[in-house]
Amino acid sequence: MVYDPKLAAALSGATLRQLSHWRNTGARRGAVLIPEVSSRRPVLYSFRDVVALRTCVKLRNDASLQKIRRALDTLRDDLKEREHLSSYKLVADAGTIYLAAPDQAVDLVQKKGNVVIHQMVDVLQPFYRDGRHIPSLLQPRPHVTVDPAVRGGVPVIEGTRVPYNEVAALLRDGVPAERISDYYPSVTATAALDAADFAEYVDSYDPDPPRESREAAAG
């Protein structure tokens, strides 16, 4: 499964502008994360990319982009860590960023390589970013789940292989939630409503319409 920028943004909490900026290899200190599937149009992210993006979004709650880039430089250049960014647990606290392990952490910014004690933070759990609730990555809605082993990670109705967006599309076409089971017997009305709610959340990451369209709508 691959994720287009909009779905990657919705599952990670990053904005589309941030995704574009973070994959910019022309940045002074290099890209934060280059999609491992495709970095050129169509831009496509992997599940591991989405996990890494959630890490970056959580770090931005407490650290500047400059500090994040500095931490990544330390991780890659000084510590010689070359695995995918999703392989590492990075947390920000008290003006620095740590590479965290269950019982200790390494300061990547202020005291490079200094081992300290730090509490682990689970990047897969829900969190808030700029007032927006970013859902659990593996269960973004009560009846919608994300599992890399099921359809490669596309969000599906819990306990099924039915993609959330196919169910949401039926509701948008006017099919009542109670009748979704006529099309997908394993999908309950409650699950269908959760799929529609998640689809609306994903659509909230659509970029703003062009200025001309906004002005036309206003006129």
Protein backbone atom coordinates (compact mmCIF):
# COMPACT_ATOMS: atom_id res chain seq x y z
CA MET A 1 0.00 0.00 0.00
CA VAL A 2 1.16 3.52 -0.80
CA TYR A 3 -0.29 6.77 0.47
CA ASP A 4 -0.83 9.90 -1.57
CA PRO A 5 0.12 13.17 0.17
CA LYS A 6 -3.42 13.91 1.37
CA LEU A 7 -3.88 10.56 3.11
CA ALA A 8 -0.30 10.67 4.42
CA ALA A 9 -1.05 14.12 5.85
CA ALA A 10 -4.30 12.95 7.46
CA LEU A 11 -2.67 9.94 9.10
CA SER A 12 0.42 11.82 10.24
CA GLY A 13 -0.96 15.23 11.19
CA ALA A 14 1.40 17.09 8.87
CA THR A 15 0.06 19.69 6.46
CA LEU A 16 0.53 19.31 2.72
CA ARG A 17 2.85 22.31 2.80
CA GLN A 18 4.95 20.67 5.50
CA LEU A 19 5.20 17.46 3.50
CA SER A 20 6.46 19.42 0.51
CA HIS A 21 8.95 21.36 2.61
CA TRP A 22 10.22 18.30 4.50
CA ARG A 23 10.99 16.37 1.31
CA ASN A 24 12.80 19.35 -0.23
CA THR A 25 16.34 18.16 -0.89
CA GLY A 26 17.31 21.71 -1.74
CA ALA A 27 16.87 22.85 1.85
CA ARG A 28 20.03 24.20 3.48
CA ARG A 29 20.39 21.22 5.81
CA GLY A 30 18.82 18.63 3.55
CA ALA A 31 15.43 16.93 3.46
CA VAL A 32 13.71 15.80 6.65
CA LEU A 33 12.06 12.84 4.94
CA ILE A 34 12.13 11.79 1.29
CA PRO A 35 9.26 9.39 0.43
CA GLU A 36 10.72 5.95 -0.14
CA VAL A 37 8.11 5.01 -2.77
CA SER A 38 8.21 8.09 -5.00
CA SER A 39 9.55 11.56 -4.32
CA ARG A 40 8.43 12.92 -7.70
CA ARG A 41 4.93 13.26 -9.07
CA PRO A 42 2.96 11.33 -8.23
CA VAL A 43 4.48 11.66 -4.75
CA LEU A 44 3.79 8.47 -2.79
CA TYR A 45 4.58 7.59 0.82
CA SER A 46 5.02 4.19 2.47
CA PHE A 47 3.57 3.10 5.81
CA ARG A 48 7.03 3.55 7.34
CA ASP A 49 7.08 7.08 5.96
CA VAL A 50 3.78 7.85 7.69
CA VAL A 51 5.14 6.59 11.03
CA ALA A 52 8.21 8.78 10.56
CA LEU A 53 6.06 11.78 9.64
CA ARG A 54 4.05 11.37 12.85
CA THR A 55 7.34 11.52 14.72
CA CYS A 56 8.26 14.78 12.97
CA VAL A 57 4.84 16.30 13.69
CA LYS A 58 5.09 15.42 17.38
CA LEU A 59 8.60 16.87 17.52
CA ARG A 60 7.34 20.14 16.02
CA ASN A 61 5.07 20.58 19.04
CA ASP A 62 8.18 21.19 21.16
CA ALA A 63 11.06 21.91 18.80
CA SER A 64 11.86 24.12 15.84
CA LEU A 65 12.47 22.67 12.39
CA GLN A 66 16.07 23.82 12.73
CA LYS A 67 16.53 21.66 15.83
CA ILE A 68 14.86 18.71 14.11
CA ARG A 69 17.26 19.01 11.17
CA ARG A 70 20.18 19.31 13.61
CA ALA A 71 19.01 16.18 15.45
CA LEU A 72 18.71 14.25 12.19
CA ASP A 73 22.18 15.37 11.17
CA THR A 74 23.54 14.03 14.48
CA LEU A 75 21.62 10.79 14.04
CA ARG A 76 22.84 10.19 10.50
CA ASP A 77 26.30 11.79 10.46
CA ASP A 78 27.63 11.47 14.02
CA LEU A 79 25.88 8.28 15.20
CA LYS A 80 25.99 6.72 11.71
CA GLU A 81 22.38 5.56 11.98
CA ARG A 82 21.21 4.76 8.44
CA GLU A 83 17.92 2.93 9.00
CA HIS A 84 14.59 4.41 7.92
CA LEU A 85 13.54 7.25 10.23
CA SER A 86 10.54 5.20 11.40
CA SER A 87 13.00 2.79 13.07
CA TYR A 88 13.95 5.39 15.67
CA LYS A 89 12.00 6.82 18.58
CA LEU A 90 12.69 10.54 18.75
CA VAL A 91 11.22 12.80 21.43
CA ALA A 92 11.59 16.50 22.21
CA ASP A 93 11.90 17.89 25.71
CA ALA A 94 13.43 20.92 27.46
CA GLY A 95 14.89 22.46 24.34
CA THR A 96 16.53 19.36 22.87
CA ILE A 97 15.67 16.18 20.97
CA TYR A 98 16.50 12.67 22.14
CA LEU A 99 16.99 9.31 20.48
CA ALA A 100 15.00 7.29 23.00
CA ALA A 101 15.34 3.68 24.13
CA PRO A 102 13.21 1.96 26.81
CA ASP A 103 15.57 2.90 29.66
CA GLN A 104 17.67 5.78 28.35
CA ALA A 105 18.01 8.38 25.60
CA VAL A 106 20.77 10.12 23.67
CA ASP A 107 20.76 13.90 23.38
CA LEU A 108 20.94 14.76 19.66
CA VAL A 109 21.03 18.57 19.87
CA GLN A 110 22.46 20.22 22.99
CA LYS A 111 24.93 17.59 24.22
CA LYS A 112 25.44 15.36 21.22
CA GLY A 113 25.80 11.72 22.19
CA ASN A 114 25.18 12.32 25.89
CA VAL A 115 23.15 9.45 27.39
CA VAL A 116 20.30 10.51 29.70
CA ILE A 117 17.21 8.99 31.26
CA HIS A 118 14.01 9.74 29.39
CA GLN A 119 10.45 8.44 29.36
CA MET A 120 9.34 6.78 26.14
CA VAL A 121 6.64 8.42 24.01
CA ASP A 122 4.49 6.29 21.68
CA VAL A 123 4.19 8.05 18.34
CA LEU A 124 1.34 5.78 17.25
CA GLN A 125 -1.04 7.12 19.90
CA PRO A 126 -3.40 10.11 19.37
CA PHE A 127 -2.07 13.61 19.94
CA TYR A 128 -2.92 17.25 19.23
CA ARG A 129 -1.18 19.54 16.77
CA ASP A 130 -2.21 23.21 16.35
CA GLY A 131 -5.59 22.44 17.92
CA ARG A 132 -6.27 19.53 15.57
CA HIS A 133 -6.78 16.04 16.97
CA ILE A 134 -4.50 13.59 15.17
CA PRO A 135 -6.02 10.11 15.61
CA SER A 136 -4.31 6.87 16.50
CA LEU A 137 -2.41 5.66 13.46
CA LEU A 138 -3.54 2.04 13.81
CA GLN A 139 -7.15 2.87 14.71
CA PRO A 140 -8.06 6.34 13.42
CA ARG A 141 -11.74 5.71 14.18
CA PRO A 142 -13.44 3.13 16.47
CA HIS A 143 -14.36 0.91 13.52
CA VAL A 144 -11.59 1.91 11.11
CA THR A 145 -8.15 0.30 11.38
CA VAL A 146 -4.76 0.51 9.69
CA ASP A 147 -2.70 -2.67 9.49
CA PRO A 148 0.27 -3.03 7.10
CA ALA A 149 -0.65 -6.73 6.79
CA VAL A 150 -4.18 -5.92 5.56
CA ARG A 151 -4.37 -4.39 2.08
CA GLY A 152 -0.86 -3.07 2.64
CA GLY A 153 -2.03 -0.56 5.23
CA VAL A 154 -4.98 1.13 3.54
CA PRO A 155 -7.52 2.10 6.24
CA VAL A 156 -10.27 -0.53 6.33
CA ILE A 157 -13.39 -1.34 8.31
CA GLU A 158 -12.33 -3.15 11.47
CA GLY A 159 -12.30 -6.92 11.08
CA THR A 160 -12.69 -6.74 7.29
CA ARG A 161 -10.72 -5.93 4.15
CA VAL A 162 -13.22 -3.28 3.04
CA PRO A 163 -11.54 0.09 2.40
CA TYR A 164 -13.04 2.99 4.35
CA ASN A 165 -13.32 5.21 1.27
CA GLU A 166 -15.48 2.71 -0.63
CA VAL A 167 -17.98 2.68 2.22
CA ALA A 168 -17.84 6.47 2.56
CA ALA A 169 -18.47 6.83 -1.18
CA LEU A 170 -21.69 4.82 -0.90
CA LEU A 171 -22.93 7.08 1.91
CA ARG A 172 -22.07 10.16 -0.14
CA ASP A 173 -24.07 8.68 -3.01
CA GLY A 174 -27.13 8.58 -0.76
CA VAL A 175 -27.07 5.00 0.49
CA PRO A 176 -28.35 4.96 4.11
CA ALA A 177 -25.90 3.61 6.68
CA GLU A 178 -28.34 0.78 7.51
CA ARG A 179 -28.24 -0.36 3.87
CA ILE A 180 -24.46 -0.53 3.54
CA SER A 181 -24.66 -4.19 4.55
CA ASP A 182 -26.51 -4.83 1.28
CA TYR A 183 -23.21 -4.07 -0.43
CA TYR A 184 -20.80 -5.21 2.29
CA PRO A 185 -22.48 -7.72 4.64
CA SER A 186 -19.70 -7.44 7.21
CA VAL A 187 -20.04 -3.65 7.57
CA THR A 188 -22.45 -2.39 10.22
CA ALA A 189 -24.23 0.95 10.10
CA THR A 190 -22.04 2.24 12.94
CA ALA A 191 -18.89 1.20 11.13
CA ALA A 192 -20.15 2.87 7.96
CA LEU A 193 -20.66 6.15 9.81
CA ASP A 194 -17.16 5.90 11.25
CA ALA A 195 -15.81 5.41 7.72
CA ALA A 196 -17.67 8.50 6.54
CA ASP A 197 -16.39 10.51 9.49
CA PHE A 198 -12.82 9.47 8.78
CA ALA A 199 -13.26 10.30 5.08
CA GLU A 200 -14.36 13.83 6.06
CA TYR A 201 -11.28 14.13 8.26
CA VAL A 202 -9.02 13.04 5.39
CA ASP A 203 -10.72 15.51 3.04
CA SER A 204 -10.02 18.29 5.52
CA TYR A 205 -6.41 18.02 4.37
CA ASP A 206 -7.33 19.08 0.85
CA PRO A 207 -5.30 22.14 -0.15
CA ASP A 208 -7.07 25.48 -0.30
CA PRO A 209 -8.76 26.17 -3.66
CA PRO A 210 -6.94 28.54 -6.03
CA ARG A 211 -7.33 32.23 -5.29
CA GLU A 212 -9.45 32.69 -8.42
CA SER A 213 -11.90 30.03 -7.23
CA ARG A 214 -12.19 31.66 -3.82
CA GLU A 215 -12.82 35.06 -5.35
CA ALA A 216 -15.43 33.62 -7.71
CA ALA A 217 -17.18 31.92 -4.81
CA ALA A 218 -17.11 35.14 -2.79
CA GLY A 219 -18.55 37.09 -5.72
